Amino acid sequence: MFTMIYYLLQTVSTAIISTVVTIWMIEEALIKLMMSSFLYALRIACHPLMVIPMLVGLYYLVNKMWPRPSMLADASEKFGMRRQVRTPRIGSYRSIGSISVRSNDSFDLDVDEVCQRN
């Protein structure tokens, strides 16, 4: 009786240990794959032929993202820039399709309006 319980516990513990070891090995393999792929990408990125395009791209990003000091009103005229009020080309959404006199806010019809439309 006790030997049967012993073998049952031994089988369960072996199954648990083998599952943990399998998961551990998969995790190690994934970590090694990520490290090797990162080093491969780093090797390509740091190649002498790739350094110049990366520096140009870095200059472009810094030039676009770096906050510039605001210019004074006189400076805009000095550099030949005109001050224009920018307005949208299309009016508000309420004026795009408003053919009738009715307001677009209300959608309930009165009895007189129903009779007038028919």
PDB file of N, CA and C in Angstrom:
ATOM      1  N   MET A   1       0.822  -1.187   0.000  1.00  0.00           N
ATOM      2  CA  MET A   1       0.000   0.000   0.000  1.00  0.00           C
ATOM      3  C   MET A   1       0.870   1.255   0.000  1.00  0.00           C
ATOM      4  N   PHE A   2       1.882   1.281   0.923  1.00  0.00           N
ATOM      5  CA  PHE A   2       2.743   2.460   1.005  1.00  0.00           C
ATOM      6  C   PHE A   2       3.645   2.593  -0.218  1.00  0.00           C
ATOM      7  N   THR A   3       4.023   1.485  -0.790  1.00  0.00           N
ATOM      8  CA  THR A   3       4.875   1.553  -1.979  1.00  0.00           C
ATOM      9  C   THR A   3       4.109   2.130  -3.165  1.00  0.00           C
ATOM     10  N   MET A   4       2.809   1.823  -3.217  1.00  0.00           N
ATOM     11  CA  MET A   4       2.003   2.371  -4.294  1.00  0.00           C
ATOM     12  C   MET A   4       1.887   3.894  -4.157  1.00  0.00           C
ATOM     13  N   ILE A   5       1.679   4.396  -2.940  1.00  0.00           N
ATOM     14  CA  ILE A   5       1.614   5.843  -2.695  1.00  0.00           C
ATOM     15  C   ILE A   5       2.974   6.484  -3.009  1.00  0.00           C
ATOM     16  N   TYR A   6       4.060   5.783  -2.627  1.00  0.00           N
ATOM     17  CA  TYR A   6       5.404   6.293  -2.890  1.00  0.00           C
ATOM     18  C   TYR A   6       5.639   6.447  -4.389  1.00  0.00           C
ATOM     19  N   TYR A   7       5.284   5.429  -5.173  1.00  0.00           N
ATOM     20  CA  TYR A   7       5.485   5.492  -6.618  1.00  0.00           C
ATOM     21  C   TYR A   7       4.574   6.551  -7.259  1.00  0.00           C
ATOM     22  N   LEU A   8       3.382   6.723  -6.721  1.00  0.00           N
ATOM     23  CA  LEU A   8       2.468   7.751  -7.221  1.00  0.00           C
ATOM     24  C   LEU A   8       3.051   9.145  -6.985  1.00  0.00           C
ATOM     25  N   LEU A   9       3.554   9.396  -5.760  1.00  0.00           N
ATOM     26  CA  LEU A   9       4.164  10.691  -5.457  1.00  0.00           C
ATOM     27  C   LEU A   9       5.429  10.921  -6.285  1.00  0.00           C
ATOM     28  N   GLN A  10       6.194   9.860  -6.489  1.00  0.00           N
ATOM     29  CA  GLN A  10       7.405   9.989  -7.290  1.00  0.00           C
ATOM     30  C   GLN A  10       7.063  10.341  -8.741  1.00  0.00           C
ATOM     31  N   THR A  11       6.010   9.746  -9.270  1.00  0.00           N
ATOM     32  CA  THR A  11       5.587  10.044 -10.639  1.00  0.00           C
ATOM     33  C   THR A  11       5.102  11.481 -10.768  1.00  0.00           C
ATOM     34  N   VAL A  12       4.319  11.937  -9.780  1.00  0.00           N
ATOM     35  CA  VAL A  12       3.811  13.316  -9.807  1.00  0.00           C
ATOM     36  C   VAL A  12       4.965  14.309  -9.708  1.00  0.00           C
ATOM     37  N   SER A  13       5.908  14.060  -8.799  1.00  0.00           N
ATOM     38  CA  SER A  13       7.037  14.983  -8.642  1.00  0.00           C
ATOM     39  C   SER A  13       7.923  14.996  -9.888  1.00  0.00           C
ATOM     40  N   THR A  14       8.108  13.841 -10.517  1.00  0.00           N
ATOM     41  CA  THR A  14       8.890  13.788 -11.753  1.00  0.00           C
ATOM     42  C   THR A  14       8.197  14.575 -12.866  1.00  0.00           C
ATOM     43  N   ALA A  15       6.882  14.465 -12.936  1.00  0.00           N
ATOM     44  CA  ALA A  15       6.135  15.209 -13.956  1.00  0.00           C
ATOM     45  C   ALA A  15       6.240  16.715 -13.719  1.00  0.00           C
ATOM     46  N   ILE A  16       6.137  17.125 -12.454  1.00  0.00           N
ATOM     47  CA  ILE A  16       6.239  18.554 -12.132  1.00  0.00           C
ATOM     48  C   ILE A  16       7.636  19.076 -12.456  1.00  0.00           C
ATOM     49  N   ILE A  17       8.657  18.317 -12.061  1.00  0.00           N
ATOM     50  CA  ILE A  17      10.033  18.751 -12.307  1.00  0.00           C
ATOM     51  C   ILE A  17      10.318  18.821 -13.805  1.00  0.00           C
ATOM     52  N   SER A  18       9.857  17.837 -14.556  1.00  0.00           N
ATOM     53  CA  SER A  18      10.111  17.857 -16.004  1.00  0.00           C
ATOM     54  C   SER A  18       9.375  19.019 -16.675  1.00  0.00           C
ATOM     55  N   THR A  19       8.173  19.358 -16.187  1.00  0.00           N
ATOM     56  CA  THR A  19       7.446  20.511 -16.732  1.00  0.00           C
ATOM     57  C   THR A  19       8.192  21.807 -16.448  1.00  0.00           C
ATOM     58  N   VAL A  20       8.666  21.966 -15.203  1.00  0.00           N
ATOM     59  CA  VAL A  20       9.402  23.177 -14.831  1.00  0.00           C
ATOM     60  C   VAL A  20      10.693  23.288 -15.633  1.00  0.00           C
ATOM     61  N   VAL A  21      11.408  22.170 -15.780  1.00  0.00           N
ATOM     62  CA  VAL A  21      12.665  22.194 -16.535  1.00  0.00           C
ATOM     63  C   VAL A  21      12.404  22.522 -18.005  1.00  0.00           C
ATOM     64  N   THR A  22      11.321  21.991 -18.563  1.00  0.00           N
ATOM     65  CA  THR A  22      10.994  22.285 -19.961  1.00  0.00           C
ATOM     66  C   THR A  22      10.698  23.768 -20.146  1.00  0.00           C
ATOM     67  N   ILE A  23       9.897  24.330 -19.247  1.00  0.00           N
ATOM     68  CA  ILE A  23       9.587  25.766 -19.329  1.00  0.00           C
ATOM     69  C   ILE A  23      10.858  26.595 -19.167  1.00  0.00           C
ATOM     70  N   TRP A  24      11.730  26.178 -18.244  1.00  0.00           N
ATOM     71  CA  TRP A  24      12.984  26.884 -18.011  1.00  0.00           C
ATOM     72  C   TRP A  24      13.867  26.852 -19.265  1.00  0.00           C
ATOM     73  N   MET A  25      13.941  25.694 -19.920  1.00  0.00           N
ATOM     74  CA  MET A  25      14.760  25.568 -21.127  1.00  0.00           C
ATOM     75  C   MET A  25      14.202  26.425 -22.269  1.00  0.00           C
ATOM     76  N   ILE A  26      12.871  26.449 -22.398  1.00  0.00           N
ATOM     77  CA  ILE A  26      12.259  27.292 -23.430  1.00  0.00           C
ATOM     78  C   ILE A  26      12.567  28.759 -23.154  1.00  0.00           C
ATOM     79  N   GLU A  27      12.471  29.155 -21.885  1.00  0.00           N
ATOM     80  CA  GLU A  27      12.770  30.540 -21.517  1.00  0.00           C
ATOM     81  C   GLU A  27      14.224  30.892 -21.829  1.00  0.00           C
ATOM     82  N   GLU A  28      15.144  30.002 -21.493  1.00  0.00           N
ATOM     83  CA  GLU A  28      16.558  30.252 -21.788  1.00  0.00           C
ATOM     84  C   GLU A  28      16.806  30.338 -23.288  1.00  0.00           C
ATOM     85  N   ALA A  29      16.149  29.469 -24.052  1.00  0.00           N
ATOM     86  CA  ALA A  29      16.323  29.507 -25.506  1.00  0.00           C
ATOM     87  C   ALA A  29      15.799  30.816 -26.087  1.00  0.00           C
ATOM     88  N   LEU A  30      14.656  31.286 -25.569  1.00  0.00           N
ATOM     89  CA  LEU A  30      14.114  32.556 -26.055  1.00  0.00           C
ATOM     90  C   LEU A  30      15.014  33.730 -25.684  1.00  0.00           C
ATOM     91  N   ILE A  31      15.571  33.701 -24.471  1.00  0.00           N
ATOM     92  CA  ILE A  31      16.478  34.774 -24.050  1.00  0.00           C
ATOM     93  C   ILE A  31      17.720  34.786 -24.932  1.00  0.00           C
ATOM     94  N   LYS A  32      18.271  33.612 -25.204  1.00  0.00           N
ATOM     95  CA  LYS A  32      19.452  33.546 -26.073  1.00  0.00           C
ATOM     96  C   LYS A  32      19.123  34.015 -27.488  1.00  0.00           C
ATOM     97  N   LEU A  33      17.934  33.660 -27.983  1.00  0.00           N
ATOM     98  CA  LEU A  33      17.527  34.105 -29.312  1.00  0.00           C
ATOM     99  C   LEU A  33      17.389  35.623 -29.360  1.00  0.00           C
ATOM    100  N   MET A  34      16.766  36.202 -28.320  1.00  0.00           N
ATOM    101  CA  MET A  34      16.612  37.655 -28.294  1.00  0.00           C
ATOM    102  C   MET A  34      17.962  38.351 -28.204  1.00  0.00           C
ATOM    103  N   MET A  35      18.863  37.817 -27.376  1.00  0.00           N
ATOM    104  CA  MET A  35      20.184  38.430 -27.249  1.00  0.00           C
ATOM    105  C   MET A  35      20.954  38.344 -28.553  1.00  0.00           C
ATOM    106  N   SER A  36      20.918  37.198 -29.206  1.00  0.00           N
ATOM    107  CA  SER A  36      21.677  37.062 -30.452  1.00  0.00           C
ATOM    108  C   SER A  36      21.074  37.924 -31.556  1.00  0.00           C
ATOM    109  N   SER A  37      19.738  38.020 -31.614  1.00  0.00           N
ATOM    110  CA  SER A  37      19.137  38.867 -32.649  1.00  0.00           C
ATOM    111  C   SER A  37      19.414  40.337 -32.373  1.00  0.00           C
ATOM    112  N   PHE A  38      19.441  40.742 -31.092  1.00  0.00           N
ATOM    113  CA  PHE A  38      19.779  42.126 -30.762  1.00  0.00           C
ATOM    114  C   PHE A  38      21.221  42.426 -31.145  1.00  0.00           C
ATOM    115  N   LEU A  39      22.122  41.490 -30.850  1.00  0.00           N
ATOM    116  CA  LEU A  39      23.520  41.712 -31.211  1.00  0.00           C
ATOM    117  C   LEU A  39      23.698  41.731 -32.725  1.00  0.00           C
ATOM    118  N   TYR A  40      22.918  40.920 -33.435  1.00  0.00           N
ATOM    119  CA  TYR A  40      22.989  40.928 -34.895  1.00  0.00           C
ATOM    120  C   TYR A  40      22.507  42.275 -35.441  1.00  0.00           C
ATOM    121  N   ALA A  41      21.394  42.774 -34.888  1.00  0.00           N
ATOM    122  CA  ALA A  41      20.892  44.080 -35.327  1.00  0.00           C
ATOM    123  C   ALA A  41      21.865  45.191 -34.960  1.00  0.00           C
ATOM    124  N   LEU A  42      22.487  45.076 -33.803  1.00  0.00           N
ATOM    125  CA  LEU A  42      23.473  46.072 -33.390  1.00  0.00           C
ATOM    126  C   LEU A  42      24.687  46.034 -34.309  1.00  0.00           C
ATOM    127  N   ARG A  43      25.073  44.846 -34.727  1.00  0.00           N
ATOM    128  CA  ARG A  43      26.215  44.723 -35.635  1.00  0.00           C
ATOM    129  C   ARG A  43      25.898  45.362 -36.984  1.00  0.00           C
ATOM    130  N   ILE A  44      24.668  45.185 -37.458  1.00  0.00           N
ATOM    131  CA  ILE A  44      24.289  45.808 -38.731  1.00  0.00           C
ATOM    132  C   ILE A  44      24.198  47.324 -38.577  1.00  0.00           C
ATOM    133  N   ALA A  45      23.613  47.770 -37.456  1.00  0.00           N
ATOM    134  CA  ALA A  45      23.425  49.209 -37.267  1.00  0.00           C
ATOM    135  C   ALA A  45      24.745  49.929 -37.076  1.00  0.00           C
ATOM    136  N   CYS A  46      25.714  49.296 -36.458  1.00  0.00           N
ATOM    137  CA  CYS A  46      26.998  49.940 -36.200  1.00  0.00           C
ATOM    138  C   CYS A  46      28.019  49.683 -37.293  1.00  0.00           C
ATOM    139  N   HIS A  47      27.585  49.126 -38.388  1.00  0.00           N
ATOM    140  CA  HIS A  47      28.489  48.932 -39.517  1.00  0.00           C
ATOM    141  C   HIS A  47      28.909  50.307 -40.036  1.00  0.00           C
ATOM    142  N   PRO A  48      30.153  50.464 -40.475  1.00  0.00           N
ATOM    143  CA  PRO A  48      30.598  51.796 -40.917  1.00  0.00           C
ATOM    144  C   PRO A  48      29.750  52.404 -42.029  1.00  0.00           C
ATOM    145  N   LEU A  49      29.170  51.564 -42.890  1.00  0.00           N
ATOM    146  CA  LEU A  49      28.323  52.112 -43.943  1.00  0.00           C
ATOM    147  C   LEU A  49      26.984  52.607 -43.418  1.00  0.00           C
ATOM    148  N   MET A  50      26.568  52.118 -42.244  1.00  0.00           N
ATOM    149  CA  MET A  50      25.279  52.517 -41.697  1.00  0.00           C
ATOM    150  C   MET A  50      25.379  53.676 -40.717  1.00  0.00           C
ATOM    151  N   VAL A  51      26.574  54.042 -40.303  1.00  0.00           N
ATOM    152  CA  VAL A  51      26.716  55.111 -39.311  1.00  0.00           C
ATOM    153  C   VAL A  51      26.305  56.451 -39.907  1.00  0.00           C
ATOM    154  N   ILE A  52      26.682  56.713 -41.152  1.00  0.00           N
ATOM    155  CA  ILE A  52      26.363  58.007 -41.769  1.00  0.00           C
ATOM    156  C   ILE A  52      24.850  58.188 -41.950  1.00  0.00           C
ATOM    157  N   PRO A  53      24.097  57.215 -42.502  1.00  0.00           N
ATOM    158  CA  PRO A  53      22.640  57.414 -42.577  1.00  0.00           C
ATOM    159  C   PRO A  53      21.978  57.536 -41.209  1.00  0.00           C
ATOM    160  N   MET A  54      22.507  56.829 -40.206  1.00  0.00           N
ATOM    161  CA  MET A  54      21.934  56.961 -38.869  1.00  0.00           C
ATOM    162  C   MET A  54      22.181  58.350 -38.302  1.00  0.00           C
ATOM    163  N   LEU A  55      23.357  58.907 -38.540  1.00  0.00           N
ATOM    164  CA  LEU A  55      23.635  60.260 -38.058  1.00  0.00           C
ATOM    165  C   LEU A  55      22.765  61.290 -38.775  1.00  0.00           C
ATOM    166  N   VAL A  56      22.545  61.091 -40.072  1.00  0.00           N
ATOM    167  CA  VAL A  56      21.669  62.003 -40.811  1.00  0.00           C
ATOM    168  C   VAL A  56      20.240  61.908 -40.280  1.00  0.00           C
ATOM    169  N   GLY A  57      19.765  60.688 -40.038  1.00  0.00           N
ATOM    170  CA  GLY A  57      18.426  60.515 -39.471  1.00  0.00           C
ATOM    171  C   GLY A  57      18.316  61.100 -38.082  1.00  0.00           C
ATOM    172  N   LEU A  58      19.351  60.944 -37.281  1.00  0.00           N
ATOM    173  CA  LEU A  58      19.353  61.521 -35.936  1.00  0.00           C
ATOM    174  C   LEU A  58      19.311  63.043 -36.007  1.00  0.00           C
ATOM    175  N   TYR A  59      20.072  63.633 -36.912  1.00  0.00           N
ATOM    176  CA  TYR A  59      20.048  65.088 -37.080  1.00  0.00           C
ATOM    177  C   TYR A  59      18.655  65.545 -37.500  1.00  0.00           C
ATOM    178  N   TYR A  60      18.025  64.808 -38.419  1.00  0.00           N
ATOM    179  CA  TYR A  60      16.684  65.159 -38.873  1.00  0.00           C
ATOM    180  C   TYR A  60      15.682  65.106 -37.723  1.00  0.00           C
ATOM    181  N   LEU A  61      15.730  64.030 -36.928  1.00  0.00           N
ATOM    182  CA  LEU A  61      14.797  63.904 -35.811  1.00  0.00           C
ATOM    183  C   LEU A  61      15.013  64.988 -34.767  1.00  0.00           C
ATOM    184  N   VAL A  62      16.266  65.250 -34.437  1.00  0.00           N
ATOM    185  CA  VAL A  62      16.541  66.283 -33.434  1.00  0.00           C
ATOM    186  C   VAL A  62      16.109  67.643 -33.956  1.00  0.00           C
ATOM    187  N   ASN A  63      16.341  67.896 -35.236  1.00  0.00           N
ATOM    188  CA  ASN A  63      15.959  69.176 -35.812  1.00  0.00           C
ATOM    189  C   ASN A  63      14.444  69.356 -35.799  1.00  0.00           C
ATOM    190  N   LYS A  64      13.698  68.280 -36.016  1.00  0.00           N
ATOM    191  CA  LYS A  64      12.240  68.376 -36.036  1.00  0.00           C
ATOM    192  C   LYS A  64      11.636  68.421 -34.633  1.00  0.00           C
ATOM    193  N   MET A  65      12.223  67.704 -33.692  1.00  0.00           N
ATOM    194  CA  MET A  65      11.613  67.556 -32.377  1.00  0.00           C
ATOM    195  C   MET A  65      12.091  68.586 -31.360  1.00  0.00           C
ATOM    196  N   TRP A  66      13.275  69.136 -31.543  1.00  0.00           N
ATOM    197  CA  TRP A  66      13.842  70.041 -30.544  1.00  0.00           C
ATOM    198  C   TRP A  66      13.011  71.317 -30.485  1.00  0.00           C
ATOM    199  N   PRO A  67      12.607  71.763 -29.296  1.00  0.00           N
ATOM    200  CA  PRO A  67      11.789  72.985 -29.209  1.00  0.00           C
ATOM    201  C   PRO A  67      12.600  74.214 -29.609  1.00  0.00           C
ATOM    202  N   ARG A  68      12.025  75.023 -30.476  1.00  0.00           N
ATOM    203  CA  ARG A  68      12.688  76.237 -30.930  1.00  0.00           C
ATOM    204  C   ARG A  68      12.175  77.418 -30.121  1.00  0.00           C
ATOM    205  N   PRO A  69      13.002  78.422 -29.907  1.00  0.00           N
ATOM    206  CA  PRO A  69      12.524  79.608 -29.192  1.00  0.00           C
ATOM    207  C   PRO A  69      11.499  80.348 -30.040  1.00  0.00           C
ATOM    208  N   SER A  70      10.501  80.900 -29.381  1.00  0.00           N
ATOM    209  CA  SER A  70       9.457  81.600 -30.118  1.00  0.00           C
ATOM    210  C   SER A  70      10.004  82.914 -30.657  1.00  0.00           C
ATOM    211  N   MET A  71       9.563  83.261 -31.865  1.00  0.00           N
ATOM    212  CA  MET A  71      10.053  84.477 -32.499  1.00  0.00           C
ATOM    213  C   MET A  71       9.157  85.646 -32.125  1.00  0.00           C
ATOM    214  N   LEU A  72       9.735  86.807 -32.077  1.00  0.00           N
ATOM    215  CA  LEU A  72       8.978  88.016 -31.793  1.00  0.00           C
ATOM    216  C   LEU A  72       8.198  88.439 -33.032  1.00  0.00           C
ATOM    217  N   ALA A  73       7.297  89.403 -32.857  1.00  0.00           N
ATOM    218  CA  ALA A  73       6.485  89.865 -33.981  1.00  0.00           C
ATOM    219  C   ALA A  73       7.346  90.567 -35.016  1.00  0.00           C
ATOM    220  N   ASP A  74       8.349  91.315 -34.573  1.00  0.00           N
ATOM    221  CA  ASP A  74       9.219  92.025 -35.515  1.00  0.00           C
ATOM    222  C   ASP A  74      10.110  91.058 -36.277  1.00  0.00           C
ATOM    223  N   ALA A  75      10.470  89.977 -35.651  1.00  0.00           N
ATOM    224  CA  ALA A  75      11.370  89.021 -36.292  1.00  0.00           C
ATOM    225  C   ALA A  75      10.697  88.339 -37.473  1.00  0.00           C
ATOM    226  N   SER A  76       9.375  88.172 -37.417  1.00  0.00           N
ATOM    227  CA  SER A  76       8.698  87.528 -38.536  1.00  0.00           C
ATOM    228  C   SER A  76       8.767  88.399 -39.786  1.00  0.00           C
ATOM    229  N   GLU A  77       8.675  89.712 -39.620  1.00  0.00           N
ATOM    230  CA  GLU A  77       8.790  90.599 -40.767  1.00  0.00           C
ATOM    231  C   GLU A  77      10.233  90.655 -41.255  1.00  0.00           C
ATOM    232  N   LYS A  78      11.161  90.543 -40.319  1.00  0.00           N
ATOM    233  CA  LYS A  78      12.567  90.627 -40.689  1.00  0.00           C
ATOM    234  C   LYS A  78      12.973  89.439 -41.561  1.00  0.00           C
ATOM    235  N   PHE A  79      12.438  88.274 -41.280  1.00  0.00           N
ATOM    236  CA  PHE A  79      12.808  87.088 -42.031  1.00  0.00           C
ATOM    237  C   PHE A  79      11.909  86.860 -43.241  1.00  0.00           C
ATOM    238  N   GLY A  80      11.035  87.803 -43.545  1.00  0.00           N
ATOM    239  CA  GLY A  80      10.215  87.704 -44.740  1.00  0.00           C
ATOM    240  C   GLY A  80       9.003  86.816 -44.585  1.00  0.00           C
ATOM    241  N   MET A  81       8.598  86.529 -43.368  1.00  0.00           N
ATOM    242  CA  MET A  81       7.415  85.697 -43.165  1.00  0.00           C
ATOM    243  C   MET A  81       6.229  86.607 -42.879  1.00  0.00           C
ATOM    244  N   ARG A  82       5.119  86.329 -43.518  1.00  0.00           N
ATOM    245  CA  ARG A  82       3.928  87.135 -43.310  1.00  0.00           C
ATOM    246  C   ARG A  82       3.066  86.517 -42.227  1.00  0.00           C
ATOM    247  N   ARG A  83       2.419  87.371 -41.479  1.00  0.00           N
ATOM    248  CA  ARG A  83       1.471  86.874 -40.476  1.00  0.00           C
ATOM    249  C   ARG A  83       0.110  86.744 -41.147  1.00  0.00           C
ATOM    250  N   GLN A  84      -0.412  85.552 -41.186  1.00  0.00           N
ATOM    251  CA  GLN A  84      -1.723  85.321 -41.760  1.00  0.00           C
ATOM    252  C   GLN A  84      -2.573  84.587 -40.747  1.00  0.00           C
ATOM    253  N   VAL A  85      -3.812  84.979 -40.712  1.00  0.00           N
ATOM    254  CA  VAL A  85      -4.746  84.269 -39.852  1.00  0.00           C
ATOM    255  C   VAL A  85      -5.187  83.035 -40.612  1.00  0.00           C
ATOM    256  N   ARG A  86      -4.963  81.890 -40.039  1.00  0.00           N
ATOM    257  CA  ARG A  86      -5.292  80.648 -40.730  1.00  0.00           C
ATOM    258  C   ARG A  86      -6.720  80.261 -40.398  1.00  0.00           C
ATOM    259  N   THR A  87      -7.538  80.181 -41.410  1.00  0.00           N
ATOM    260  CA  THR A  87      -8.923  79.770 -41.226  1.00  0.00           C
ATOM    261  C   THR A  87      -9.136  78.473 -41.985  1.00  0.00           C
ATOM    262  N   PRO A  88     -10.046  77.646 -41.524  1.00  0.00           N
ATOM    263  CA  PRO A  88     -10.302  76.399 -42.246  1.00  0.00           C
ATOM    264  C   PRO A  88     -10.948  76.673 -43.599  1.00  0.00           C
ATOM    265  N   ARG A  89     -10.671  75.827 -44.566  1.00  0.00           N
ATOM    266  CA  ARG A  89     -11.218  76.019 -45.906  1.00  0.00           C
ATOM    267  C   ARG A  89     -12.693  75.660 -45.971  1.00  0.00           C
ATOM    268  N   ILE A  90     -13.104  74.716 -45.160  1.00  0.00           N
ATOM    269  CA  ILE A  90     -14.501  74.291 -45.138  1.00  0.00           C
ATOM    270  C   ILE A  90     -15.124  74.872 -43.886  1.00  0.00           C
ATOM    271  N   GLY A  91     -16.365  75.302 -43.994  1.00  0.00           N
ATOM    272  CA  GLY A  91     -17.053  75.855 -42.840  1.00  0.00           C
ATOM    273  C   GLY A  91     -17.352  74.790 -41.814  1.00  0.00           C
ATOM    274  N   SER A  92     -18.086  75.162 -40.797  1.00  0.00           N
ATOM    275  CA  SER A  92     -18.408  74.201 -39.756  1.00  0.00           C
ATOM    276  C   SER A  92     -19.345  73.137 -40.316  1.00  0.00           C
ATOM    277  N   TYR A  93     -19.444  72.030 -39.604  1.00  0.00           N
ATOM    278  CA  TYR A  93     -20.246  70.917 -40.113  1.00  0.00           C
ATOM    279  C   TYR A  93     -21.717  71.276 -40.174  1.00  0.00           C
ATOM    280  N   ARG A  94     -22.149  72.274 -39.410  1.00  0.00           N
ATOM    281  CA  ARG A  94     -23.561  72.654 -39.436  1.00  0.00           C
ATOM    282  C   ARG A  94     -23.908  73.394 -40.725  1.00  0.00           C
ATOM    283  N   SER A  95     -22.931  74.048 -41.321  1.00  0.00           N
ATOM    284  CA  SER A  95     -23.245  74.824 -42.512  1.00  0.00           C
ATOM    285  C   SER A  95     -23.025  74.034 -43.796  1.00  0.00           C
ATOM    286  N   ILE A  96     -22.468  72.825 -43.716  1.00  0.00           N
ATOM    287  CA  ILE A  96     -22.189  72.063 -44.932  1.00  0.00           C
ATOM    288  C   ILE A  96     -23.484  71.618 -45.603  1.00  0.00           C
ATOM    289  N   GLY A  97     -24.378  71.039 -44.854  1.00  0.00           N
ATOM    290  CA  GLY A  97     -25.574  70.492 -45.471  1.00  0.00           C
ATOM    291  C   GLY A  97     -26.841  71.216 -45.094  1.00  0.00           C
ATOM    292  N   SER A  98     -26.736  72.419 -44.576  1.00  0.00           N
ATOM    293  CA  SER A  98     -27.953  73.092 -44.127  1.00  0.00           C
ATOM    294  C   SER A  98     -28.590  73.796 -45.318  1.00  0.00           C
ATOM    295  N   ILE A  99     -29.502  73.119 -45.957  1.00  0.00           N
ATOM    296  CA  ILE A  99     -30.215  73.702 -47.090  1.00  0.00           C
ATOM    297  C   ILE A  99     -31.474  74.385 -46.588  1.00  0.00           C
ATOM    298  N   SER A 100     -32.084  73.799 -45.588  1.00  0.00           N
ATOM    299  CA  SER A 100     -33.333  74.354 -45.080  1.00  0.00           C
ATOM    300  C   SER A 100     -33.046  75.415 -44.030  1.00  0.00           C
ATOM    301  N   VAL A 101     -34.107  76.043 -43.577  1.00  0.00           N
ATOM    302  CA  VAL A 101     -33.990  77.088 -42.568  1.00  0.00           C
ATOM    303  C   VAL A 101     -33.929  76.470 -41.179  1.00  0.00           C
ATOM    304  N   ARG A 102     -34.388  75.216 -41.062  1.00  0.00           N
ATOM    305  CA  ARG A 102     -34.441  74.565 -39.753  1.00  0.00           C
ATOM    306  C   ARG A 102     -33.062  74.443 -39.142  1.00  0.00           C
ATOM    307  N   SER A 103     -33.027  74.473 -37.838  1.00  0.00           N
ATOM    308  CA  SER A 103     -31.780  74.268 -37.127  1.00  0.00           C
ATOM    309  C   SER A 103     -31.446  72.779 -37.134  1.00  0.00           C
ATOM    310  N   ASN A 104     -30.194  72.465 -37.156  1.00  0.00           N
ATOM    311  CA  ASN A 104     -29.782  71.062 -37.137  1.00  0.00           C
ATOM    312  C   ASN A 104     -29.799  70.483 -35.732  1.00  0.00           C
ATOM    313  N   ASP A 105     -30.075  71.308 -34.742  1.00  0.00           N
ATOM    314  CA  ASP A 105     -30.052  70.823 -33.365  1.00  0.00           C
ATOM    315  C   ASP A 105     -31.288  70.007 -33.025  1.00  0.00           C
ATOM    316  N   SER A 106     -32.425  70.326 -33.589  1.00  0.00           N
ATOM    317  CA  SER A 106     -33.657  69.630 -33.200  1.00  0.00           C
ATOM    318  C   SER A 106     -34.114  68.730 -34.341  1.00  0.00           C
ATOM    319  N   PHE A 107     -34.545  67.558 -33.981  1.00  0.00           N
ATOM    320  CA  PHE A 107     -34.995  66.597 -34.974  1.00  0.00           C
ATOM    321  C   PHE A 107     -36.478  66.255 -34.823  1.00  0.00           C
ATOM    322  N   ASP A 108     -37.151  66.885 -33.894  1.00  0.00           N
ATOM    323  CA  ASP A 108     -38.570  66.592 -33.718  1.00  0.00           C
ATOM    324  C   ASP A 108     -39.377  67.500 -34.645  1.00  0.00           C
ATOM    325  N   LEU A 109     -40.340  66.935 -35.313  1.00  0.00           N
ATOM    326  CA  LEU A 109     -41.151  67.674 -36.268  1.00  0.00           C
ATOM    327  C   LEU A 109     -42.462  68.085 -35.621  1.00  0.00           C
ATOM    328  N   ASP A 110     -42.872  69.289 -35.900  1.00  0.00           N
ATOM    329  CA  ASP A 110     -44.191  69.723 -35.459  1.00  0.00           C
ATOM    330  C   ASP A 110     -45.220  69.260 -36.486  1.00  0.00           C
ATOM    331  N   VAL A 111     -46.474  69.328 -36.100  1.00  0.00           N
ATOM    332  CA  VAL A 111     -47.545  68.893 -36.998  1.00  0.00           C
ATOM    333  C   VAL A 111     -47.614  69.812 -38.208  1.00  0.00           C
ATOM    334  N   ASP A 112     -47.410  71.111 -38.005  1.00  0.00           N
ATOM    335  CA  ASP A 112     -47.465  72.059 -39.122  1.00  0.00           C
ATOM    336  C   ASP A 112     -46.359  71.780 -40.141  1.00  0.00           C
ATOM    337  N   GLU A 113     -45.181  71.408 -39.659  1.00  0.00           N
ATOM    338  CA  GLU A 113     -44.069  71.145 -40.570  1.00  0.00           C
ATOM    339  C   GLU A 113     -44.316  69.893 -41.397  1.00  0.00           C
ATOM    340  N   VAL A 114     -44.946  68.876 -40.795  1.00  0.00           N
ATOM    341  CA  VAL A 114     -45.244  67.653 -41.535  1.00  0.00           C
ATOM    342  C   VAL A 114     -46.252  67.950 -42.630  1.00  0.00           C
ATOM    343  N   CYS A 115     -47.247  68.775 -42.322  1.00  0.00           N
ATOM    344  CA  CYS A 115     -48.252  69.120 -43.324  1.00  0.00           C
ATOM    345  C   CYS A 115     -47.639  69.962 -44.440  1.00  0.00           C
ATOM    346  N   GLN A 116     -46.695  70.831 -44.106  1.00  0.00           N
ATOM    347  CA  GLN A 116     -46.080  71.675 -45.126  1.00  0.00           C
ATOM    348  C   GLN A 116     -45.201  70.862 -46.066  1.00  0.00           C
ATOM    349  N   ARG A 117     -44.550  69.834 -45.569  1.00  0.00           N
ATOM    350  CA  ARG A 117     -43.652  69.042 -46.411  1.00  0.00           C
ATOM    351  C   ARG A 117     -44.424  68.170 -47.393  1.00  0.00           C
ATOM    352  N   ASN A 118     -45.634  67.758 -47.028  1.00  0.00           N
ATOM    353  CA  ASN A 118     -46.424  66.894 -47.922  1.00  0.00           C
ATOM    354  C   ASN A 118     -47.211  67.753 -48.821  1.00  0.00           C
TER     355      ASN A 118
END
